[in-house]
Amino acid sequence: MHAKTGETLLALVVEDIKWSEETYGLSVIAVCSDDGGDVHKMWQLLLTLMPWLIIILCWAYQINLIVGDYLSLKLLFQDCVPKALTVIKWTNNLSHALGLFHQEQLYTYQKILALIFPMLT
């Protein structure tokens, strides 16, 4: 196993880019990753090697970190989270209940909103 450094990450990313281009005949124009210190170094090296690339942060990863930090605060509202997840699962899994929920939404808001069950990214 190699140390997670900017240089080792660069080698992996360059290898993946070449593989994608050779295997699928595409041109890679952008890459997306987190923003750790090692990754930041890899970005600098990658831009030197391939200055045409667009390099962006993975916002799903960033949002996941923020939500994780927020939920770790142990605030009073969090007592409701397990109950809310139970209601979301129950409603989404019972078509009759979901239908009634959609009817009420249409009546109240003139549109149907989704009950989304959160997942780890």
Protein backbone atom coordinates (compact mmCIF):
# COMPACT_ATOMS: atom_id res chain seq x y z
CA MET A 1 0.00 0.00 0.00
CA HIS A 2 1.30 3.44 -0.93
CA ALA A 3 1.21 6.54 1.22
CA LYS A 4 -1.59 8.95 0.35
CA THR A 5 0.44 11.84 -1.01
CA GLY A 6 -0.19 14.34 -3.79
CA GLU A 7 2.26 12.44 -5.97
CA THR A 8 0.67 9.01 -5.47
CA LEU A 9 -2.81 10.46 -6.01
CA LEU A 10 -1.57 12.16 -9.19
CA ALA A 11 -0.31 8.84 -10.55
CA LEU A 12 -3.69 7.23 -9.88
CA VAL A 13 -5.67 10.07 -11.46
CA VAL A 14 -3.45 10.22 -14.55
CA GLU A 15 -3.75 6.44 -14.91
CA ASP A 16 -7.56 6.66 -14.64
CA ILE A 17 -7.74 9.50 -17.18
CA LYS A 18 -5.61 7.57 -19.68
CA TRP A 19 -7.62 4.38 -19.12
CA SER A 20 -10.92 6.23 -19.64
CA GLU A 21 -9.69 7.87 -22.82
CA GLU A 22 -8.22 4.66 -24.26
CA THR A 23 -11.07 2.37 -23.19
CA TYR A 24 -14.00 4.60 -24.10
CA GLY A 25 -12.46 6.92 -26.70
CA LEU A 26 -13.44 10.02 -24.79
CA SER A 27 -11.65 13.21 -23.87
CA VAL A 28 -11.54 14.00 -20.18
CA ILE A 29 -12.10 17.72 -19.67
CA ALA A 30 -12.83 17.83 -15.91
CA VAL A 31 -12.20 15.97 -12.69
CA CYS A 32 -14.00 16.15 -9.37
CA SER A 33 -12.73 15.23 -5.90
CA ASP A 34 -12.66 16.25 -2.27
CA ASP A 35 -10.39 19.04 -1.02
CA GLY A 36 -8.05 17.35 1.46
CA GLY A 37 -4.47 18.54 1.75
CA ASP A 38 -3.12 15.59 -0.23
CA VAL A 39 -5.74 16.09 -2.92
CA HIS A 40 -4.99 19.81 -3.11
CA LYS A 41 -1.35 18.99 -3.86
CA MET A 42 -2.51 16.51 -6.53
CA TRP A 43 -4.64 19.26 -8.10
CA GLN A 44 -1.60 21.54 -8.39
CA LEU A 45 0.47 18.79 -9.96
CA LEU A 46 -2.35 17.75 -12.29
CA LEU A 47 -2.89 21.32 -13.50
CA THR A 48 0.82 21.60 -14.27
CA LEU A 49 0.65 18.35 -16.23
CA MET A 50 -2.76 18.98 -17.88
CA PRO A 51 -3.52 22.73 -17.73
CA TRP A 52 -6.70 22.38 -19.85
CA LEU A 53 -8.52 20.37 -17.16
CA ILE A 54 -11.36 21.80 -15.11
CA ILE A 55 -10.95 20.70 -11.49
CA ILE A 56 -13.90 21.10 -9.13
CA LEU A 57 -14.85 20.16 -5.60
CA CYS A 58 -17.35 17.38 -5.04
CA TRP A 59 -20.22 19.30 -3.45
CA ALA A 60 -21.97 16.11 -2.37
CA TYR A 61 -18.90 15.27 -0.32
CA GLN A 62 -18.70 18.80 1.11
CA ILE A 63 -22.40 18.83 2.03
CA ASN A 64 -22.05 15.39 3.63
CA LEU A 65 -19.22 16.73 5.82
CA ILE A 66 -21.29 19.77 6.84
CA VAL A 67 -24.37 17.67 7.66
CA GLY A 68 -22.19 15.26 9.63
CA ASP A 69 -20.74 18.14 11.64
CA TYR A 70 -24.21 19.60 12.23
CA LEU A 71 -25.69 16.30 13.36
CA SER A 72 -22.76 15.68 15.72
CA LEU A 73 -23.83 18.75 17.75
CA LYS A 74 -26.51 16.69 19.55
CA LEU A 75 -29.19 19.38 19.43
CA LEU A 76 -32.75 18.83 20.69
CA PHE A 77 -34.28 18.70 17.19
CA GLN A 78 -32.27 15.56 16.52
CA ASP A 79 -34.60 13.55 18.73
CA CYS A 80 -37.10 13.94 15.86
CA VAL A 81 -34.78 12.62 13.14
CA PRO A 82 -35.33 8.86 13.78
CA LYS A 83 -39.09 9.45 13.92
CA ALA A 84 -39.01 11.47 10.69
CA LEU A 85 -37.05 8.70 8.95
CA THR A 86 -39.65 6.14 10.10
CA VAL A 87 -42.47 8.30 8.70
CA ILE A 88 -40.65 8.77 5.38
CA LYS A 89 -40.02 5.01 5.02
CA TRP A 90 -43.59 4.10 6.02
CA THR A 91 -45.20 6.66 3.69
CA ASN A 92 -43.01 5.81 0.70
CA ASN A 93 -43.62 2.06 1.15
CA LEU A 94 -47.43 2.22 1.40
CA SER A 95 -48.98 3.32 -1.87
CA HIS A 96 -52.35 4.21 -0.29
CA ALA A 97 -50.73 6.47 2.32
CA LEU A 98 -48.47 8.01 -0.33
CA GLY A 99 -51.50 8.66 -2.54
CA LEU A 100 -53.31 10.44 0.30
CA PHE A 101 -50.19 12.46 1.01
CA HIS A 102 -49.93 13.48 -2.66
CA GLN A 103 -53.61 14.48 -2.72
CA GLU A 104 -53.14 16.70 0.32
CA GLN A 105 -50.03 18.27 -1.20
CA LEU A 106 -51.88 19.03 -4.45
CA TYR A 107 -54.74 20.58 -2.49
CA THR A 108 -52.45 22.63 -0.24
CA TYR A 109 -49.51 23.52 -2.51
CA GLN A 110 -50.79 22.75 -6.03
CA LYS A 111 -47.80 20.44 -6.50
CA ILE A 112 -46.43 17.14 -5.25
CA LEU A 113 -43.22 17.13 -3.24
CA ALA A 114 -41.08 14.03 -2.70
CA LEU A 115 -40.27 12.49 0.66
CA ILE A 116 -36.58 11.73 0.25
CA PHE A 117 -34.80 9.24 2.44
CA PRO A 118 -31.23 10.47 3.06
CA MET A 119 -28.31 8.22 2.12
CA LEU A 120 -24.59 8.37 2.75
CA THR A 121 -22.49 9.47 -0.22
